[in-house]
Amino acid sequence: DLKKMIEKKGEVGMMSFPVWYVALEAPNYPKAAFPEGIPVWFHVDGFSGDIHEMNTINHYVGMYPLEDGAKIERALGPFLMLGISLLMILFICIRKKWSWIFMLPSALFPLGFFAFYSGWMYWFGHNMQEWGAFKIKAFMPTALGVGHVAHFTTKSFPSIGFWILVIIAVLSVLALLARRNELKKQ
């Protein structure tokens, strides 16, 4: 919650913004307790929300806990964001034809995030453990939109961090076009 972060003088930056939002509605979780379902927000470097509840309900079908997914990606997230920032600075400083390469990571980051997120959703849905109380077939969890698996409803949508990444990507493409025009005039 951005308002609470500002009130508590918390970190407000790309790393603190959630990139993706997921909610799971299950019959054994009353609407009064979870009106929007069990919420989890995915960040570049981790996740927040009702992780324990999500892991508990996923346990029933034999899914791994959230902490088991994307360990390397979460660990590298802050360094990746720092690297992208440094590449943008290099793009500003180096005015050569080939300097467009520096802007590719920032321009492609939203697509890359969604690709990795979708890949991990696939992994979670296709690597069930035998200890699950309910046996379900391998499935692709909903990566975008509203989906249904057995008697569960899932919601998966971009959050504020994703839209910030999209804005950065658009500005990166605009910077590339401006640089191309500048070099043509020289």
Protein backbone atom coordinates (compact mmCIF):
# COMPACT_ATOMS: atom_id res chain seq x y z
CA ASP A 1 0.00 0.00 0.00
CA LEU A 2 1.80 3.13 -1.26
CA LYS A 3 -0.02 5.43 1.19
CA LYS A 4 1.09 3.32 4.18
CA MET A 5 4.65 3.17 2.86
CA ILE A 6 4.77 6.97 2.66
CA GLU A 7 3.19 7.36 6.12
CA LYS A 8 5.78 5.01 7.64
CA LYS A 9 8.56 6.69 5.65
CA GLY A 10 9.31 3.33 4.10
CA GLU A 11 11.36 2.66 1.02
CA VAL A 12 9.53 3.90 -2.04
CA GLY A 13 11.26 2.76 -5.21
CA MET A 14 11.12 0.18 -7.95
CA MET A 15 12.29 -2.61 -5.65
CA SER A 16 9.48 -1.96 -3.17
CA PHE A 17 6.67 -1.86 -5.72
CA PRO A 18 4.86 -5.12 -6.45
CA VAL A 19 5.13 -6.12 -10.09
CA TRP A 20 2.42 -8.79 -10.23
CA TYR A 21 -0.70 -9.54 -8.16
CA VAL A 22 -2.18 -12.98 -7.61
CA ALA A 23 -5.22 -13.96 -5.57
CA LEU A 24 -6.63 -17.39 -4.90
CA GLU A 25 -10.23 -17.93 -3.86
CA ALA A 26 -11.02 -21.23 -2.20
CA PRO A 27 -14.27 -22.52 -0.64
CA ASN A 28 -12.59 -23.15 2.71
CA TYR A 29 -11.58 -19.47 3.01
CA PRO A 30 -14.66 -17.37 3.83
CA LYS A 31 -15.27 -14.15 1.91
CA ALA A 32 -15.46 -12.28 5.22
CA ALA A 33 -11.83 -13.20 6.00
CA PHE A 34 -10.50 -12.88 2.44
CA PRO A 35 -12.91 -10.71 0.40
CA GLU A 36 -10.57 -10.62 -2.62
CA GLY A 37 -9.10 -14.07 -2.09
CA ILE A 38 -5.68 -14.91 -0.65
CA PRO A 39 -3.43 -12.13 -2.02
CA VAL A 40 0.22 -12.41 -3.00
CA TRP A 41 2.29 -9.71 -4.68
CA PHE A 42 5.38 -10.63 -6.66
CA HIS A 43 8.29 -8.18 -6.61
CA VAL A 44 11.51 -8.15 -8.62
CA ASP A 45 13.30 -9.58 -5.59
CA GLY A 46 10.63 -11.56 -3.73
CA PHE A 47 7.00 -11.57 -2.77
CA SER A 48 4.66 -10.24 -0.10
CA GLY A 49 1.11 -10.78 1.08
CA ASP A 50 -0.44 -13.84 2.68
CA ILE A 51 2.39 -16.19 1.77
CA HIS A 52 1.62 -18.62 4.59
CA GLU A 53 -2.04 -18.94 3.55
CA MET A 54 -1.15 -19.35 -0.13
CA ASN A 55 1.39 -22.04 0.73
CA THR A 56 -1.16 -23.77 2.97
CA ILE A 57 -3.86 -23.98 0.29
CA ASN A 58 -1.33 -24.97 -2.39
CA HIS A 59 -0.05 -27.71 -0.08
CA TYR A 60 -3.41 -29.49 -0.37
CA VAL A 61 -2.85 -30.14 -4.06
CA GLY A 62 0.85 -30.91 -3.65
CA MET A 63 2.34 -27.66 -4.94
CA TYR A 64 5.71 -26.54 -3.68
CA PRO A 65 5.86 -23.50 -1.35
CA LEU A 66 6.36 -20.14 -3.08
CA GLU A 67 9.83 -19.86 -1.56
CA ASP A 68 10.99 -22.79 -3.72
CA GLY A 69 10.46 -20.89 -6.97
CA ALA A 70 12.70 -18.37 -8.75
CA LYS A 71 15.42 -18.41 -6.09
CA ILE A 72 18.14 -17.27 -8.47
CA GLU A 73 15.93 -14.68 -10.17
CA ARG A 74 14.89 -13.18 -6.81
CA ALA A 75 18.50 -13.08 -5.60
CA LEU A 76 19.67 -11.39 -8.81
CA GLY A 77 16.72 -8.96 -9.01
CA PRO A 78 18.37 -6.01 -7.19
CA PHE A 79 21.60 -6.47 -9.17
CA LEU A 80 19.66 -6.66 -12.42
CA MET A 81 17.88 -3.39 -11.66
CA LEU A 82 21.20 -1.76 -10.73
CA GLY A 83 22.78 -3.11 -13.92
CA ILE A 84 19.93 -1.74 -16.05
CA SER A 85 20.34 1.65 -14.39
CA LEU A 86 24.07 1.64 -15.12
CA LEU A 87 23.44 0.64 -18.74
CA MET A 88 21.05 3.58 -19.09
CA ILE A 89 23.77 5.90 -17.79
CA LEU A 90 26.20 4.43 -20.32
CA PHE A 91 23.63 5.03 -23.07
CA ILE A 92 23.43 8.68 -22.05
CA CYS A 93 27.22 9.07 -21.94
CA ILE A 94 28.23 7.11 -25.04
CA ARG A 95 26.89 8.57 -28.27
CA LYS A 96 27.80 5.88 -30.80
CA LYS A 97 25.72 3.92 -33.30
CA TRP A 98 26.10 0.74 -31.27
CA SER A 99 25.09 2.33 -27.93
CA TRP A 100 21.47 1.29 -28.53
CA ILE A 101 22.46 -2.09 -27.08
CA PHE A 102 22.58 -0.47 -23.61
CA MET A 103 18.85 0.27 -23.71
CA LEU A 104 17.68 -3.20 -24.72
CA PRO A 105 17.44 -4.60 -21.17
CA SER A 106 15.23 -1.75 -19.94
CA ALA A 107 13.09 -1.89 -23.09
CA LEU A 108 12.57 -5.66 -22.78
CA PHE A 109 12.36 -6.02 -19.00
CA PRO A 110 8.53 -6.13 -18.70
CA LEU A 111 8.36 -8.92 -21.30
CA GLY A 112 11.22 -10.71 -19.59
CA PHE A 113 9.54 -10.49 -16.20
CA PHE A 114 6.29 -11.89 -17.57
CA ALA A 115 8.13 -14.69 -19.40
CA PHE A 116 9.96 -15.77 -16.23
CA TYR A 117 6.79 -15.41 -14.13
CA SER A 118 4.83 -17.55 -16.62
CA GLY A 119 7.63 -20.11 -16.73
CA TRP A 120 7.60 -20.45 -12.97
CA MET A 121 3.80 -20.75 -12.94
CA TYR A 122 4.17 -23.60 -15.41
CA TRP A 123 6.82 -25.23 -13.20
CA PHE A 124 4.60 -25.00 -10.09
CA GLY A 125 1.63 -26.48 -11.95
CA HIS A 126 3.59 -29.34 -13.50
CA ASN A 127 5.69 -30.41 -10.52
CA MET A 128 3.20 -31.65 -7.96
CA GLN A 129 4.30 -33.60 -4.93
CA GLU A 130 2.82 -36.95 -3.94
CA TRP A 131 1.89 -35.72 -0.46
CA GLY A 132 -0.97 -33.56 -1.73
CA ALA A 133 -4.29 -34.40 -0.10
CA PHE A 134 -6.08 -33.85 -3.42
CA LYS A 135 -4.73 -35.26 -6.64
CA ILE A 136 -5.12 -33.06 -9.69
CA LYS A 137 -3.58 -33.33 -13.13
CA ALA A 138 -0.68 -31.11 -14.08
CA PHE A 139 -1.98 -27.71 -15.15
CA MET A 140 -0.84 -24.26 -16.18
CA PRO A 141 -1.76 -21.80 -13.42
CA THR A 142 -3.29 -18.60 -14.69
CA ALA A 143 -0.49 -16.20 -15.59
CA LEU A 144 -2.80 -13.37 -16.72
CA GLY A 145 -6.51 -13.04 -16.06
CA VAL A 146 -9.01 -15.13 -14.11
CA GLY A 147 -8.79 -18.91 -14.12
CA HIS A 148 -10.28 -21.96 -12.47
CA VAL A 149 -8.54 -25.08 -11.21
CA ALA A 150 -10.70 -27.71 -9.50
CA HIS A 151 -12.80 -25.68 -7.04
CA PHE A 152 -10.33 -22.76 -6.85
CA THR A 153 -10.54 -19.44 -8.65
CA THR A 154 -7.31 -17.60 -9.42
CA LYS A 155 -6.70 -14.01 -10.42
CA SER A 156 -3.39 -12.89 -11.86
CA PHE A 157 -2.80 -9.30 -13.00
CA PRO A 158 -0.04 -6.71 -13.38
CA SER A 159 0.48 -4.43 -10.40
CA ILE A 160 1.92 -0.92 -10.08
CA GLY A 161 5.54 -2.07 -10.46
CA PHE A 162 4.78 -3.68 -13.81
CA TRP A 163 3.25 -0.47 -15.12
CA ILE A 164 6.31 1.45 -13.94
CA LEU A 165 8.47 -1.06 -15.84
CA VAL A 166 6.28 -0.52 -18.93
CA ILE A 167 6.71 3.26 -18.64
CA ILE A 168 10.49 2.78 -18.33
CA ALA A 169 10.41 0.49 -21.40
CA VAL A 170 8.43 3.02 -23.44
CA LEU A 171 10.77 5.83 -22.40
CA SER A 172 13.72 3.61 -23.32
CA VAL A 173 12.32 3.04 -26.80
CA LEU A 174 11.68 6.78 -27.16
CA ALA A 175 15.29 7.47 -26.08
CA LEU A 176 16.48 4.99 -28.71
CA LEU A 177 14.45 6.72 -31.41
CA ALA A 178 15.67 10.15 -30.32
CA ARG A 179 19.29 8.92 -30.39
CA ARG A 180 18.78 7.44 -33.86
CA ASN A 181 17.43 10.78 -35.12
CA GLU A 182 20.30 12.64 -33.47
CA LEU A 183 22.90 10.39 -35.11
CA LYS A 184 21.21 10.73 -38.52
CA LYS A 185 21.50 14.52 -38.31
CA GLN A 186 25.21 14.29 -37.54
